[in-house]
Amino acid sequence: MSPRELERRAKHKLAVLRHVEEVSGNVSATCRYYSISRQCYYTWRRRFDEEGLDGLKDRSSVPHISQRRPIRRSSRTSCG
């Protein structure tokens, strides 16, 4: 995704946050209007409060730590 696209998506998220403050005053109604969950809204709100507009840019959804451990194969096999 291009930096321009990331910036556009971050501005859309900011518009959702502003809609609550300036238009509806109601998180649930705004979330229904934009078809997002309240959990998503509050995640965006927290990131915006902590990091500003940069906090609203999309992040990788890849886990930092893999839950699966690689299979270690020994050089000796039990079959012979």
N, C-alpha and C. Protein backbone atom coordinates (compact mmCIF):
# COMPACT_ATOMS: atom_id res chain seq x y z
N MET A 1 0.85 -1.17 0.00
CA MET A 1 0.00 0.00 0.00
C MET A 1 0.90 1.24 0.00
N SER A 2 0.56 2.18 -0.83
CA SER A 2 1.39 3.38 -0.98
C SER A 2 1.23 4.30 0.24
N PRO A 3 2.22 5.13 0.48
CA PRO A 3 2.12 6.09 1.59
C PRO A 3 0.91 7.02 1.43
N ARG A 4 0.58 7.34 0.21
CA ARG A 4 -0.58 8.21 -0.05
C ARG A 4 -1.88 7.52 0.39
N GLU A 5 -1.99 6.23 0.08
CA GLU A 5 -3.17 5.46 0.48
C GLU A 5 -3.24 5.34 2.01
N LEU A 6 -2.11 5.12 2.67
CA LEU A 6 -2.08 5.05 4.13
C LEU A 6 -2.55 6.37 4.74
N GLU A 7 -2.11 7.46 4.16
CA GLU A 7 -2.51 8.79 4.65
C GLU A 7 -4.01 9.01 4.47
N ARG A 8 -4.54 8.58 3.33
CA ARG A 8 -5.97 8.74 3.06
C ARG A 8 -6.81 7.95 4.06
N ARG A 9 -6.38 6.72 4.34
CA ARG A 9 -7.11 5.89 5.29
C ARG A 9 -7.04 6.46 6.71
N ALA A 10 -5.89 7.02 7.07
CA ALA A 10 -5.75 7.64 8.39
C ALA A 10 -6.67 8.85 8.51
N LYS A 11 -6.81 9.62 7.44
CA LYS A 11 -7.70 10.78 7.47
C LYS A 11 -9.16 10.35 7.58
N HIS A 12 -9.50 9.22 6.97
CA HIS A 12 -10.87 8.69 7.10
C HIS A 12 -11.15 8.34 8.56
N LYS A 13 -10.19 7.69 9.21
CA LYS A 13 -10.36 7.34 10.62
C LYS A 13 -10.50 8.60 11.48
N LEU A 14 -9.73 9.63 11.15
CA LEU A 14 -9.83 10.89 11.87
C LEU A 14 -11.22 11.51 11.67
N ALA A 15 -11.77 11.38 10.47
CA ALA A 15 -13.11 11.89 10.20
C ALA A 15 -14.15 11.18 11.07
N VAL A 16 -13.98 9.88 11.27
CA VAL A 16 -14.89 9.13 12.14
C VAL A 16 -14.80 9.66 13.57
N LEU A 17 -13.58 9.87 14.05
CA LEU A 17 -13.40 10.38 15.41
C LEU A 17 -14.02 11.77 15.56
N ARG A 18 -13.84 12.61 14.57
CA ARG A 18 -14.40 13.97 14.63
C ARG A 18 -15.92 13.95 14.55
N HIS A 19 -16.46 12.99 13.82
CA HIS A 19 -17.92 12.90 13.68
C HIS A 19 -18.57 12.75 15.06
N VAL A 20 -17.96 11.94 15.91
CA VAL A 20 -18.50 11.76 17.26
C VAL A 20 -18.47 13.08 18.02
N GLU A 21 -17.35 13.78 17.95
CA GLU A 21 -17.18 15.00 18.72
C GLU A 21 -18.00 16.17 18.18
N GLU A 22 -18.08 16.31 16.87
CA GLU A 22 -18.66 17.52 16.28
C GLU A 22 -20.09 17.35 15.77
N VAL A 23 -20.49 16.12 15.43
CA VAL A 23 -21.80 15.95 14.81
C VAL A 23 -22.77 15.23 15.73
N SER A 24 -22.48 13.97 16.01
CA SER A 24 -23.48 13.15 16.71
C SER A 24 -23.34 13.20 18.23
N GLY A 25 -22.11 13.22 18.71
CA GLY A 25 -21.91 13.14 20.15
C GLY A 25 -22.20 11.76 20.70
N ASN A 26 -22.44 10.81 19.81
CA ASN A 26 -22.84 9.46 20.20
C ASN A 26 -21.96 8.44 19.47
N VAL A 27 -21.16 7.70 20.22
CA VAL A 27 -20.25 6.73 19.62
C VAL A 27 -21.01 5.62 18.91
N SER A 28 -22.03 5.07 19.55
CA SER A 28 -22.78 3.95 18.95
C SER A 28 -23.41 4.34 17.62
N ALA A 29 -24.03 5.52 17.57
CA ALA A 29 -24.68 5.97 16.33
C ALA A 29 -23.65 6.19 15.22
N THR A 30 -22.52 6.76 15.56
CA THR A 30 -21.47 6.98 14.57
C THR A 30 -20.93 5.66 14.05
N CYS A 31 -20.72 4.71 14.94
CA CYS A 31 -20.21 3.39 14.53
C CYS A 31 -21.19 2.68 13.61
N ARG A 32 -22.47 2.79 13.90
CA ARG A 32 -23.47 2.21 13.00
C ARG A 32 -23.45 2.91 11.65
N TYR A 33 -23.32 4.22 11.64
CA TYR A 33 -23.31 5.01 10.41
C TYR A 33 -22.12 4.61 9.52
N TYR A 34 -20.94 4.45 10.12
CA TYR A 34 -19.73 4.10 9.37
C TYR A 34 -19.50 2.59 9.25
N SER A 35 -20.38 1.80 9.83
CA SER A 35 -20.28 0.33 9.80
C SER A 35 -18.97 -0.18 10.39
N ILE A 36 -18.62 0.34 11.55
CA ILE A 36 -17.46 -0.15 12.28
C ILE A 36 -17.91 -0.54 13.68
N SER A 37 -17.11 -1.35 14.35
CA SER A 37 -17.45 -1.75 15.71
C SER A 37 -17.02 -0.66 16.70
N ARG A 38 -17.64 -0.65 17.86
CA ARG A 38 -17.23 0.30 18.90
C ARG A 38 -15.81 -0.01 19.37
N GLN A 39 -15.46 -1.29 19.39
CA GLN A 39 -14.10 -1.67 19.78
C GLN A 39 -13.09 -1.05 18.81
N CYS A 40 -13.40 -1.08 17.53
CA CYS A 40 -12.54 -0.46 16.52
C CYS A 40 -12.43 1.05 16.77
N TYR A 41 -13.57 1.69 17.03
CA TYR A 41 -13.56 3.14 17.31
C TYR A 41 -12.65 3.47 18.50
N TYR A 42 -12.82 2.72 19.59
CA TYR A 42 -12.03 3.02 20.79
C TYR A 42 -10.55 2.70 20.59
N THR A 43 -10.23 1.73 19.75
CA THR A 43 -8.83 1.47 19.42
C THR A 43 -8.26 2.66 18.67
N TRP A 44 -8.99 3.17 17.67
CA TRP A 44 -8.55 4.35 16.93
C TRP A 44 -8.41 5.55 17.86
N ARG A 45 -9.38 5.73 18.76
CA ARG A 45 -9.36 6.87 19.68
C ARG A 45 -8.11 6.81 20.57
N ARG A 46 -7.83 5.62 21.12
CA ARG A 46 -6.66 5.47 21.99
C ARG A 46 -5.38 5.75 21.22
N ARG A 47 -5.25 5.20 20.02
CA ARG A 47 -4.04 5.42 19.23
C ARG A 47 -3.88 6.89 18.85
N PHE A 48 -5.00 7.54 18.53
CA PHE A 48 -4.93 8.96 18.18
C PHE A 48 -4.51 9.80 19.39
N ASP A 49 -5.06 9.48 20.54
CA ASP A 49 -4.70 10.21 21.76
C ASP A 49 -3.22 10.04 22.11
N GLU A 50 -2.69 8.84 21.87
CA GLU A 50 -1.30 8.55 22.23
C GLU A 50 -0.30 9.02 21.18
N GLU A 51 -0.65 8.88 19.87
CA GLU A 51 0.34 9.10 18.82
C GLU A 51 -0.04 10.15 17.78
N GLY A 52 -1.22 10.70 17.89
CA GLY A 52 -1.66 11.67 16.88
C GLY A 52 -2.06 10.98 15.59
N LEU A 53 -1.95 11.70 14.47
CA LEU A 53 -2.36 11.16 13.17
C LEU A 53 -1.57 9.92 12.78
N ASP A 54 -0.30 9.83 13.17
CA ASP A 54 0.50 8.64 12.86
C ASP A 54 -0.08 7.39 13.51
N GLY A 55 -0.75 7.53 14.62
CA GLY A 55 -1.35 6.39 15.29
C GLY A 55 -2.53 5.81 14.54
N LEU A 56 -3.08 6.57 13.59
CA LEU A 56 -4.22 6.09 12.83
C LEU A 56 -3.82 5.38 11.54
N LYS A 57 -2.55 5.41 11.21
CA LYS A 57 -2.10 4.71 10.00
C LYS A 57 -2.19 3.21 10.23
N ASP A 58 -2.50 2.49 9.16
CA ASP A 58 -2.64 1.03 9.26
C ASP A 58 -1.33 0.40 9.74
N ARG A 59 -1.50 -0.65 10.51
CA ARG A 59 -0.35 -1.37 11.03
C ARG A 59 -0.38 -2.80 10.53
N SER A 60 0.74 -3.45 10.61
CA SER A 60 0.82 -4.84 10.20
C SER A 60 0.01 -5.70 11.17
N SER A 61 -0.67 -6.69 10.63
CA SER A 61 -1.44 -7.59 11.48
C SER A 61 -0.70 -8.90 11.74
N VAL A 62 0.56 -8.96 11.30
CA VAL A 62 1.37 -10.14 11.51
C VAL A 62 1.79 -10.20 12.98
N PRO A 63 1.64 -11.33 13.64
CA PRO A 63 2.03 -11.42 15.05
C PRO A 63 3.54 -11.22 15.22
N HIS A 64 3.91 -10.62 16.34
CA HIS A 64 5.33 -10.41 16.62
C HIS A 64 6.03 -11.71 16.97
N ILE A 65 5.31 -12.63 17.57
CA ILE A 65 5.88 -13.91 17.98
C ILE A 65 5.03 -15.03 17.38
N SER A 66 5.69 -15.96 16.76
CA SER A 66 4.97 -17.09 16.19
C SER A 66 4.57 -18.06 17.29
N GLN A 67 3.34 -18.51 17.26
CA GLN A 67 2.86 -19.46 18.25
C GLN A 67 3.31 -20.89 17.93
N ARG A 68 3.70 -21.10 16.71
CA ARG A 68 4.15 -22.44 16.30
C ARG A 68 5.66 -22.52 16.36
N ARG A 69 6.13 -23.55 16.94
CA ARG A 69 7.58 -23.75 17.02
C ARG A 69 8.02 -24.60 15.83
N PRO A 70 9.16 -24.31 15.27
CA PRO A 70 9.62 -25.12 14.15
C PRO A 70 9.95 -26.54 14.63
N ILE A 71 9.72 -27.49 13.77
CA ILE A 71 10.00 -28.89 14.09
C ILE A 71 11.49 -29.12 13.89
N ARG A 72 12.13 -29.60 14.94
CA ARG A 72 13.56 -29.91 14.82
C ARG A 72 13.70 -31.36 14.38
N ARG A 73 14.47 -31.53 13.39
CA ARG A 73 14.70 -32.88 12.89
C ARG A 73 16.13 -33.28 13.25
N SER A 74 16.25 -34.43 13.84
CA SER A 74 17.59 -34.91 14.19
C SER A 74 18.22 -35.55 12.97
N SER A 75 19.52 -35.64 12.99
CA SER A 75 20.22 -36.23 11.86
C SER A 75 20.07 -37.76 11.85
N ARG A 76 19.72 -38.29 13.03
CA ARG A 76 19.53 -39.76 13.11
C ARG A 76 18.03 -40.05 13.09
N THR A 77 17.65 -41.05 12.38
CA THR A 77 16.26 -41.44 12.34
C THR A 77 16.08 -42.76 13.06
N SER A 78 14.90 -43.03 13.53
CA SER A 78 14.65 -44.26 14.25
C SER A 78 14.38 -45.43 13.32
N CYS A 79 14.20 -45.16 12.04
CA CYS A 79 13.89 -46.23 11.09
C CYS A 79 15.13 -46.93 10.58
N GLY A 80 16.26 -46.41 10.85
CA GLY A 80 17.37 -47.19 10.52
C GLY A 80 18.38 -46.81 9.63
